[in-house]
Amino acid sequence: MPDRIQISDLLLRTIIGINNEEREKKQDVVINITLHVDLRKAGRSDDISDAVNYRTITKEIIDLVENSRFQLVEKMADEVAKICLIDQHVQQASVSIEKPGALRFTRSVGVTVERTREDFSED
C-alpha cells in the first residue's frame, strides 16, 4: 500500500443541496482528503518535483467548492477527487465531505468516495 498525504478539516462555504433554502445561501462543508502516493523518491531526493504539491491541489479545491452550486454532495466529492488525481504522483484519492447540521440531532452528514485515475478515464 502506498504512503499517504492527509488534508484534514478543510472548512469551506458553498451552495449545496436540493431544497430551495439550501440554494439561497452558502453552507459550511468540511472536507477531508487522503492522497495515496509513493513518497519514497521525494523522501530520498528532498526535491519538490518528486513530491505532490498539496498546496496547489488545496487551492484548486477551494476555488472549485467555493464557486460551485452542486446539488449533491456526491457530485462535489467526485469533482474534488478528480482534482486530486490530476497530479501524476497521486495513485488514489479518498475524499470525505460533510455538511454540518444537515439533519436534526446529528453533528453532520456526509459521503466518502475513493477514486483512481481510471475512474475518470471516460471523461
C-alpha atoms as a PDB file:
ATOM      1  CA  MET A   1       0.000   0.000   0.000  1.00  0.00           C
ATOM      2  CA  PRO A   2       1.358   3.441  -0.860  1.00  0.00           C
ATOM      3  CA  ASP A   3       2.122   6.214   1.543  1.00  0.00           C
ATOM      4  CA  ARG A   4      -0.476   8.877   2.291  1.00  0.00           C
ATOM      5  CA  ILE A   5      -0.812  12.638   2.439  1.00  0.00           C
ATOM      6  CA  GLN A   6      -3.651  13.927   4.637  1.00  0.00           C
ATOM      7  CA  ILE A   7      -5.511  17.202   4.114  1.00  0.00           C
ATOM      8  CA  SER A   8      -7.688  17.498   7.198  1.00  0.00           C
ATOM      9  CA  ASP A   9     -10.735  19.570   8.106  1.00  0.00           C
ATOM     10  CA  LEU A  10     -10.773  21.977   5.171  1.00  0.00           C
ATOM     11  CA  LEU A  11     -13.738  24.195   6.094  1.00  0.00           C
ATOM     12  CA  LEU A  12     -15.384  25.952   3.149  1.00  0.00           C
ATOM     13  CA  ARG A  13     -18.692  27.664   2.357  1.00  0.00           C
ATOM     14  CA  THR A  14     -20.738  26.860  -0.733  1.00  0.00           C
ATOM     15  CA  ILE A  15     -24.190  26.450  -2.199  1.00  0.00           C
ATOM     16  CA  ILE A  16     -25.009  22.751  -1.841  1.00  0.00           C
ATOM     17  CA  GLY A  17     -28.301  20.883  -1.661  1.00  0.00           C
ATOM     18  CA  ILE A  18     -31.595  20.280  -3.416  1.00  0.00           C
ATOM     19  CA  ASN A  19     -34.021  22.238  -1.223  1.00  0.00           C
ATOM     20  CA  ASN A  20     -34.881  25.865  -2.023  1.00  0.00           C
ATOM     21  CA  GLU A  21     -33.416  27.185   1.236  1.00  0.00           C
ATOM     22  CA  GLU A  22     -30.153  25.326   0.525  1.00  0.00           C
ATOM     23  CA  ARG A  23     -29.925  27.012  -2.873  1.00  0.00           C
ATOM     24  CA  GLU A  24     -30.235  30.534  -1.437  1.00  0.00           C
ATOM     25  CA  LYS A  25     -27.302  30.884   0.959  1.00  0.00           C
ATOM     26  CA  LYS A  26     -23.928  29.291   1.436  1.00  0.00           C
ATOM     27  CA  GLN A  27     -23.482  26.458   3.911  1.00  0.00           C
ATOM     28  CA  ASP A  28     -20.417  25.046   5.614  1.00  0.00           C
ATOM     29  CA  VAL A  29     -18.818  21.895   4.280  1.00  0.00           C
ATOM     30  CA  VAL A  30     -15.897  20.075   5.872  1.00  0.00           C
ATOM     31  CA  ILE A  31     -13.556  18.224   3.526  1.00  0.00           C
ATOM     32  CA  ASN A  32     -11.016  15.567   4.455  1.00  0.00           C
ATOM     33  CA  ILE A  33      -8.738  14.105   1.819  1.00  0.00           C
ATOM     34  CA  THR A  34      -6.263  11.258   1.767  1.00  0.00           C
ATOM     35  CA  LEU A  35      -3.905  11.143  -1.202  1.00  0.00           C
ATOM     36  CA  HIS A  36      -2.364   7.707  -1.771  1.00  0.00           C
ATOM     37  CA  VAL A  37       1.148   8.299  -3.056  1.00  0.00           C
ATOM     38  CA  ASP A  38       4.536   6.620  -3.134  1.00  0.00           C
ATOM     39  CA  LEU A  39       6.637   9.109  -1.147  1.00  0.00           C
ATOM     40  CA  ARG A  40       9.927   7.192  -1.282  1.00  0.00           C
ATOM     41  CA  LYS A  41      11.501   9.181  -4.142  1.00  0.00           C
ATOM     42  CA  ALA A  42      10.632  12.549  -2.561  1.00  0.00           C
ATOM     43  CA  GLY A  43      11.847  11.263   0.798  1.00  0.00           C
ATOM     44  CA  ARG A  44      15.235  10.394  -0.698  1.00  0.00           C
ATOM     45  CA  SER A  45      15.685  13.391  -3.014  1.00  0.00           C
ATOM     46  CA  ASP A  46      14.215  16.212  -0.892  1.00  0.00           C
ATOM     47  CA  ASP A  47      13.135  17.731  -4.253  1.00  0.00           C
ATOM     48  CA  ILE A  48       9.657  19.240  -4.731  1.00  0.00           C
ATOM     49  CA  SER A  49       9.492  17.905  -8.295  1.00  0.00           C
ATOM     50  CA  ASP A  50       9.391  14.402  -6.797  1.00  0.00           C
ATOM     51  CA  ALA A  51       6.583  15.331  -4.398  1.00  0.00           C
ATOM     52  CA  VAL A  52       2.892  16.181  -4.501  1.00  0.00           C
ATOM     53  CA  ASN A  53       2.292  19.907  -4.243  1.00  0.00           C
ATOM     54  CA  TYR A  54      -0.651  19.657  -1.867  1.00  0.00           C
ATOM     55  CA  ARG A  55      -0.848  23.437  -1.581  1.00  0.00           C
ATOM     56  CA  THR A  56      -1.693  23.709  -5.291  1.00  0.00           C
ATOM     57  CA  ILE A  57      -4.249  20.909  -5.025  1.00  0.00           C
ATOM     58  CA  THR A  58      -5.881  22.548  -1.998  1.00  0.00           C
ATOM     59  CA  LYS A  59      -6.108  25.927  -3.755  1.00  0.00           C
ATOM     60  CA  GLU A  60      -7.847  24.302  -6.734  1.00  0.00           C
ATOM     61  CA  ILE A  61     -10.288  22.533  -4.411  1.00  0.00           C
ATOM     62  CA  ILE A  62     -11.077  25.788  -2.598  1.00  0.00           C
ATOM     63  CA  ASP A  63     -11.741  27.524  -5.914  1.00  0.00           C
ATOM     64  CA  LEU A  64     -13.977  24.683  -7.136  1.00  0.00           C
ATOM     65  CA  VAL A  65     -16.040  24.323  -3.963  1.00  0.00           C
ATOM     66  CA  GLU A  66     -16.484  27.988  -3.085  1.00  0.00           C
ATOM     67  CA  ASN A  67     -17.610  28.813  -6.632  1.00  0.00           C
ATOM     68  CA  SER A  68     -19.812  25.764  -7.196  1.00  0.00           C
ATOM     69  CA  ARG A  69     -23.541  25.219  -6.921  1.00  0.00           C
ATOM     70  CA  PHE A  70     -23.749  21.432  -6.771  1.00  0.00           C
ATOM     71  CA  GLN A  71     -26.985  19.823  -5.711  1.00  0.00           C
ATOM     72  CA  LEU A  72     -25.408  16.614  -4.415  1.00  0.00           C
ATOM     73  CA  VAL A  73     -22.511  16.148  -2.015  1.00  0.00           C
ATOM     74  CA  GLU A  74     -21.709  13.028  -4.041  1.00  0.00           C
ATOM     75  CA  LYS A  75     -21.030  15.146  -7.139  1.00  0.00           C
ATOM     76  CA  MET A  76     -18.871  17.570  -5.175  1.00  0.00           C
ATOM     77  CA  ALA A  77     -16.812  14.699  -3.736  1.00  0.00           C
ATOM     78  CA  ASP A  78     -16.330  13.213  -7.199  1.00  0.00           C
ATOM     79  CA  GLU A  79     -15.109  16.547  -8.597  1.00  0.00           C
ATOM     80  CA  VAL A  80     -12.736  17.074  -5.666  1.00  0.00           C
ATOM     81  CA  ALA A  81     -11.273  13.593  -6.246  1.00  0.00           C
ATOM     82  CA  LYS A  82     -10.795  14.429  -9.925  1.00  0.00           C
ATOM     83  CA  ILE A  83      -8.712  17.489  -8.978  1.00  0.00           C
ATOM     84  CA  CYS A  84      -6.567  15.391  -6.644  1.00  0.00           C
ATOM     85  CA  LEU A  85      -5.814  12.875  -9.377  1.00  0.00           C
ATOM     86  CA  ILE A  86      -4.532  15.457 -11.855  1.00  0.00           C
ATOM     87  CA  ASP A  87      -1.168  15.210 -10.095  1.00  0.00           C
ATOM     88  CA  GLN A  88       0.537  12.191 -11.653  1.00  0.00           C
ATOM     89  CA  HIS A  89       2.091  11.211  -8.310  1.00  0.00           C
ATOM     90  CA  VAL A  90      -1.348  10.573  -6.785  1.00  0.00           C
ATOM     91  CA  GLN A  91      -2.462   6.981  -7.303  1.00  0.00           C
ATOM     92  CA  GLN A  92      -5.759   7.166  -5.417  1.00  0.00           C
ATOM     93  CA  ALA A  93      -7.786   9.832  -3.618  1.00  0.00           C
ATOM     94  CA  SER A  94     -10.163   9.310  -0.722  1.00  0.00           C
ATOM     95  CA  VAL A  95     -12.468  12.302  -0.255  1.00  0.00           C
ATOM     96  CA  SER A  96     -14.918  12.796   2.618  1.00  0.00           C
ATOM     97  CA  ILE A  97     -17.307  15.739   2.613  1.00  0.00           C
ATOM     98  CA  GLU A  98     -19.643  16.540   5.481  1.00  0.00           C
ATOM     99  CA  LYS A  99     -22.462  19.049   5.823  1.00  0.00           C
ATOM    100  CA  PRO A 100     -22.591  20.067   9.497  1.00  0.00           C
ATOM    101  CA  GLY A 101     -26.125  20.410  10.833  1.00  0.00           C
ATOM    102  CA  ALA A 102     -27.751  18.948   7.714  1.00  0.00           C
ATOM    103  CA  LEU A 103     -30.050  16.772   9.822  1.00  0.00           C
ATOM    104  CA  ARG A 104     -31.601  17.398  13.191  1.00  0.00           C
ATOM    105  CA  PHE A 105     -29.944  15.564  16.055  1.00  0.00           C
ATOM    106  CA  THR A 106     -26.720  14.969  14.097  1.00  0.00           C
ATOM    107  CA  ARG A 107     -23.382  16.730  14.093  1.00  0.00           C
ATOM    108  CA  SER A 108     -23.108  16.246  10.328  1.00  0.00           C
ATOM    109  CA  VAL A 109     -23.993  14.109   7.340  1.00  0.00           C
ATOM    110  CA  GLY A 110     -21.531  13.229   4.640  1.00  0.00           C
ATOM    111  CA  VAL A 111     -20.132  10.936   1.997  1.00  0.00           C
ATOM    112  CA  THR A 112     -16.773   9.343   1.298  1.00  0.00           C
ATOM    113  CA  VAL A 113     -15.596   8.412  -2.181  1.00  0.00           C
ATOM    114  CA  GLU A 114     -12.447   6.584  -3.244  1.00  0.00           C
ATOM    115  CA  ARG A 115     -11.252   7.190  -6.793  1.00  0.00           C
ATOM    116  CA  THR A 116      -8.335   6.317  -9.038  1.00  0.00           C
ATOM    117  CA  ARG A 117      -7.359   7.915 -12.334  1.00  0.00           C
ATOM    118  CA  GLU A 118      -9.047   5.028 -14.161  1.00  0.00           C
ATOM    119  CA  ASP A 119     -12.407   6.093 -12.700  1.00  0.00           C
ATOM    120  CA  PHE A 120     -12.195   9.248 -14.831  1.00  0.00           C
ATOM    121  CA  SER A 121     -10.726   7.767 -17.996  1.00  0.00           C
ATOM    122  CA  GLU A 122     -14.096   8.110 -19.773  1.00  0.00           C
ATOM    123  CA  ASP A 123     -14.272  11.871 -19.092  1.00  0.00           C
END
